[in-house]
Amino acid sequence: MTAPQPIDAKSAILGRIREALQDGPTPDPVERTYRRHSEASRTDVLHQLEDRLLDYKASVHREDLTTVGARIGALLGAGARYVAPAGLDPAWLPADDDAAGRERLVDGAAGEPLTVRALDGLDAVVTGSTVTCSETGTIFLTGRPGEGRRALSLVPDHHVCVVPVESVVELIPEALERVPPTAVITMISGPSATSDIELVRVEGVHGPRRLDVILLDTGAA
């Protein structure tokens, strides 16, 4: 006669779960009737985005390839120390850093990323973006070379984010179609703020207190 084998608690629990699920009903498919593609004009989409961002207390600037560098320089100010990801288009950055006494650090240029302490000591960060949803006023960063790793957009107190106008869509489903399924996504809707404590708005708790968004007309839209 064979002695009974001991059953451990984990096997017993999983066995009961399998038994309970054997006659489980199959749920009906969820009908998704929300809009997936916008019919709004490019002008209306950009106006909607600007309205949302201003409502979230971000600053919005409309520039083209001939003015974007000067605008970023003015936003950074003289003497600023700032960081940019290694893959950011250098044509977007100020050409007068030396004359204005600014110091530009490039994250990842030497193979080693800047430490959190080093990032915290900088005045600002300049990044690109992947896609932006005008309906919610949300900018998506996915860690592409022109956007850098997540810490870049969270640690410095001032974020200058370049949003090419051709990357702006109206709806969240449209935005998600442009995001790689395995990407680490950072969503930005205005400067960092929370009202968790006694419903008092406090800025800068989870990220930059100041957000400047540059809607860049690259001529490709």
Protein backbone atom coordinates (compact mmCIF):
# COMPACT_ATOMS: atom_id res chain seq x y z
CA MET A 1 0.00 0.00 0.00
CA THR A 2 1.40 3.39 -1.08
CA ALA A 3 1.48 6.05 1.60
CA PRO A 4 -0.47 9.23 0.74
CA GLN A 5 1.69 12.14 -0.44
CA PRO A 6 1.57 15.30 1.70
CA ILE A 7 -0.17 18.28 0.11
CA ASP A 8 1.30 21.68 0.80
CA ALA A 9 -0.97 24.65 1.46
CA LYS A 10 -0.11 26.41 -1.81
CA SER A 11 -1.06 23.40 -3.94
CA ALA A 12 -4.29 22.97 -2.03
CA ILE A 13 -5.28 26.62 -2.53
CA LEU A 14 -4.45 26.60 -6.24
CA GLY A 15 -6.36 23.34 -6.68
CA ARG A 16 -9.46 24.83 -5.11
CA ILE A 17 -9.17 27.92 -7.33
CA ARG A 18 -8.94 25.76 -10.46
CA GLU A 19 -11.94 23.75 -9.34
CA ALA A 20 -13.97 26.89 -8.64
CA LEU A 21 -13.16 28.35 -12.06
CA GLN A 22 -14.14 25.30 -14.08
CA ASP A 23 -17.80 26.30 -14.43
CA GLY A 24 -17.19 30.03 -14.47
CA PRO A 25 -19.24 32.03 -17.00
CA THR A 26 -17.52 33.75 -19.93
CA PRO A 27 -18.07 37.51 -19.66
CA ASP A 28 -19.69 39.31 -22.56
CA PRO A 29 -17.28 41.41 -24.63
CA VAL A 30 -17.12 45.06 -23.64
CA GLU A 31 -18.50 47.35 -26.32
CA ARG A 32 -16.08 50.21 -26.89
CA THR A 33 -18.00 52.99 -28.57
CA TYR A 34 -15.77 55.93 -27.68
CA ARG A 35 -14.11 57.98 -30.41
CA ARG A 36 -10.80 56.64 -31.65
CA HIS A 37 -9.98 59.16 -34.38
CA SER A 38 -10.44 62.90 -34.38
CA GLU A 39 -12.22 64.90 -37.04
CA ALA A 40 -11.12 68.26 -35.65
CA SER A 41 -8.89 70.58 -37.66
CA ARG A 42 -5.21 71.01 -36.82
CA THR A 43 -5.91 74.60 -35.76
CA ASP A 44 -8.68 73.56 -33.37
CA VAL A 45 -6.56 70.78 -31.87
CA LEU A 46 -3.66 73.15 -31.16
CA HIS A 47 -5.97 75.77 -29.66
CA GLN A 48 -7.52 73.12 -27.43
CA LEU A 49 -4.10 71.96 -26.26
CA GLU A 50 -2.96 75.48 -25.48
CA ASP A 51 -6.15 76.14 -23.52
CA ARG A 52 -5.70 72.97 -21.44
CA LEU A 53 -2.02 73.65 -20.71
CA LEU A 54 -2.69 77.23 -19.62
CA ASP A 55 -5.48 75.99 -17.37
CA TYR A 56 -2.96 73.61 -15.77
CA LYS A 57 -0.65 76.61 -15.09
CA ALA A 58 1.93 75.73 -17.75
CA SER A 59 3.32 78.41 -20.06
CA VAL A 60 2.91 77.91 -23.81
CA HIS A 61 5.06 79.37 -26.58
CA ARG A 62 4.61 78.96 -30.33
CA GLU A 63 7.89 78.89 -32.22
CA ASP A 64 9.46 77.67 -35.44
CA LEU A 65 12.94 76.38 -36.26
CA THR A 66 14.30 79.94 -36.62
CA THR A 67 13.11 81.13 -33.20
CA VAL A 68 13.06 78.09 -30.92
CA GLY A 69 16.69 78.38 -29.78
CA ALA A 70 16.32 82.03 -28.78
CA ARG A 71 13.07 81.27 -26.96
CA ILE A 72 14.65 78.45 -24.95
CA GLY A 73 17.59 80.71 -24.12
CA ALA A 74 15.22 83.39 -22.84
CA LEU A 75 13.28 80.87 -20.75
CA LEU A 76 16.47 79.49 -19.21
CA GLY A 77 17.90 82.91 -18.49
CA ALA A 78 21.52 84.04 -18.28
CA GLY A 79 23.86 81.97 -16.15
CA ALA A 80 21.60 78.92 -16.01
CA ARG A 81 22.98 75.39 -15.66
CA TYR A 82 20.75 72.98 -17.55
CA VAL A 83 20.72 69.45 -18.93
CA ALA A 84 19.55 68.00 -22.23
CA PRO A 85 19.37 64.35 -23.32
CA ALA A 86 22.07 63.23 -25.72
CA GLY A 87 19.59 62.67 -28.55
CA LEU A 88 17.92 66.09 -28.48
CA ASP A 89 18.17 67.99 -31.76
CA PRO A 90 20.97 70.53 -31.16
CA ALA A 91 19.28 72.95 -33.57
CA TRP A 92 16.58 73.45 -30.94
CA LEU A 93 19.02 74.64 -28.27
CA PRO A 94 20.33 78.18 -27.68
CA ALA A 95 23.34 79.19 -29.75
CA ASP A 96 24.45 81.86 -27.26
CA ASP A 97 25.15 79.72 -24.18
CA ASP A 98 28.73 80.95 -23.87
CA ALA A 99 27.82 84.60 -24.26
CA ALA A 100 24.98 84.25 -21.75
CA GLY A 101 27.11 82.37 -19.25
CA ARG A 102 24.95 79.26 -19.42
CA GLU A 103 26.32 75.76 -18.85
CA ARG A 104 24.80 72.89 -20.81
CA LEU A 105 25.24 69.34 -19.57
CA VAL A 106 24.39 66.40 -21.83
CA ASP A 107 23.02 63.38 -20.00
CA GLY A 108 24.56 60.14 -21.21
CA ALA A 109 27.08 61.81 -23.52
CA ALA A 110 30.05 60.26 -21.72
CA GLY A 111 28.32 56.95 -21.14
CA GLU A 112 27.44 57.67 -17.53
CA PRO A 113 24.11 59.31 -16.62
CA LEU A 114 24.09 62.21 -14.21
CA THR A 115 23.35 61.33 -10.60
CA VAL A 116 20.12 62.43 -8.93
CA ARG A 117 22.17 64.79 -6.76
CA ALA A 118 23.71 66.36 -9.86
CA LEU A 119 20.31 66.75 -11.51
CA ASP A 120 18.90 68.33 -8.38
CA GLY A 121 21.62 70.97 -8.52
CA LEU A 122 20.66 72.12 -12.03
CA ASP A 123 18.30 74.94 -12.91
CA ALA A 124 16.42 73.27 -15.75
CA VAL A 125 16.05 70.47 -18.27
CA VAL A 126 15.16 70.69 -21.97
CA THR A 127 13.56 67.65 -23.63
CA GLY A 128 11.53 66.66 -26.63
CA SER A 129 8.32 64.59 -26.50
CA THR A 130 6.69 61.63 -28.23
CA VAL A 131 3.04 62.64 -28.64
CA THR A 132 0.60 65.04 -26.98
CA CYS A 133 -3.15 64.71 -26.42
CA SER A 134 -5.00 68.01 -26.70
CA GLU A 135 -8.27 66.77 -25.14
CA THR A 136 -6.58 66.17 -21.79
CA GLY A 137 -3.59 68.48 -22.24
CA THR A 138 -1.22 65.56 -21.68
CA ILE A 139 2.34 65.27 -23.00
CA PHE A 140 3.74 61.75 -23.36
CA LEU A 141 7.45 61.07 -22.84
CA THR A 142 8.65 57.54 -23.61
CA GLY A 143 12.39 57.70 -23.05
CA ARG A 144 13.38 58.21 -26.68
CA PRO A 145 16.85 59.67 -27.33
CA GLY A 146 15.50 63.22 -27.53
CA GLU A 147 13.56 62.82 -24.28
CA GLY A 148 16.02 60.93 -22.10
CA ARG A 149 15.37 58.84 -19.03
CA ARG A 150 12.52 59.56 -16.68
CA ALA A 151 14.61 61.23 -13.96
CA LEU A 152 15.49 64.10 -16.31
CA SER A 153 11.91 65.36 -16.42
CA LEU A 154 11.23 64.78 -12.71
CA VAL A 155 14.22 66.09 -10.75
CA PRO A 156 15.13 69.58 -12.11
CA ASP A 157 12.74 72.30 -10.96
CA HIS A 158 12.14 73.75 -14.43
CA HIS A 159 11.18 71.69 -17.49
CA VAL A 160 11.24 73.13 -21.00
CA CYS A 161 9.44 70.62 -23.21
CA VAL A 162 9.47 70.89 -26.99
CA VAL A 163 6.26 69.59 -28.62
CA PRO A 164 6.40 69.44 -32.43
CA VAL A 165 2.97 70.42 -33.72
CA GLU A 166 2.78 67.35 -35.96
CA SER A 167 2.94 65.16 -32.85
CA VAL A 168 -0.22 66.69 -31.35
CA VAL A 169 -3.44 64.64 -31.58
CA GLU A 170 -6.86 65.25 -30.07
CA LEU A 171 -7.75 61.93 -28.41
CA ILE A 172 -6.10 59.51 -25.99
CA PRO A 173 -6.62 56.48 -28.32
CA GLU A 174 -4.80 58.40 -31.06
CA ALA A 175 -1.95 59.18 -28.68
CA LEU A 176 -1.61 55.59 -27.51
CA GLU A 177 -1.35 54.41 -31.13
CA ARG A 178 1.93 56.34 -31.32
CA VAL A 179 3.37 54.94 -28.09
CA PRO A 180 5.39 51.70 -28.19
CA PRO A 181 3.57 49.04 -26.11
CA THR A 182 6.67 48.34 -24.01
CA ALA A 183 7.66 51.97 -23.44
CA VAL A 184 8.06 53.45 -19.97
CA ILE A 185 5.65 56.37 -20.19
CA THR A 186 5.78 59.65 -18.32
CA MET A 187 2.59 61.72 -18.73
CA ILE A 188 2.79 65.44 -18.06
CA SER A 189 -0.22 67.74 -17.66
CA GLY A 190 1.16 70.99 -16.31
CA PRO A 191 3.68 71.56 -13.52
CA SER A 192 3.80 69.01 -10.72
CA ALA A 193 1.10 69.74 -8.14
CA THR A 194 -0.89 68.03 -5.42
CA SER A 195 -3.84 68.98 -3.21
CA ASP A 196 -3.61 65.94 -0.96
CA ILE A 197 -3.02 67.97 2.21
CA GLU A 198 -6.13 69.89 3.29
CA LEU A 199 -6.98 70.56 -0.38
CA VAL A 200 -4.22 73.18 -0.56
CA ARG A 201 -2.44 73.19 -3.93
CA VAL A 202 1.29 72.61 -3.51
CA GLU A 203 3.51 72.67 -6.58
CA GLY A 204 6.79 70.86 -7.12
CA VAL A 205 6.13 67.84 -4.89
CA HIS A 206 6.47 65.14 -7.54
CA GLY A 207 8.35 67.01 -10.26
CA PRO A 208 9.10 70.45 -11.72
CA ARG A 209 7.28 73.47 -10.33
CA ARG A 210 7.64 75.25 -13.66
CA LEU A 211 6.69 73.84 -17.07
CA ASP A 212 7.28 75.70 -20.33
CA VAL A 213 5.82 74.02 -23.41
CA ILE A 214 7.10 75.05 -26.83
CA LEU A 215 4.74 74.21 -29.68
CA LEU A 216 7.28 73.89 -32.46
CA ASP A 217 6.31 74.30 -36.09
CA THR A 218 8.94 72.20 -37.86
CA GLY A 219 7.32 72.65 -41.25
CA ALA A 220 6.37 68.95 -41.33
CA ALA A 221 2.74 69.29 -40.25
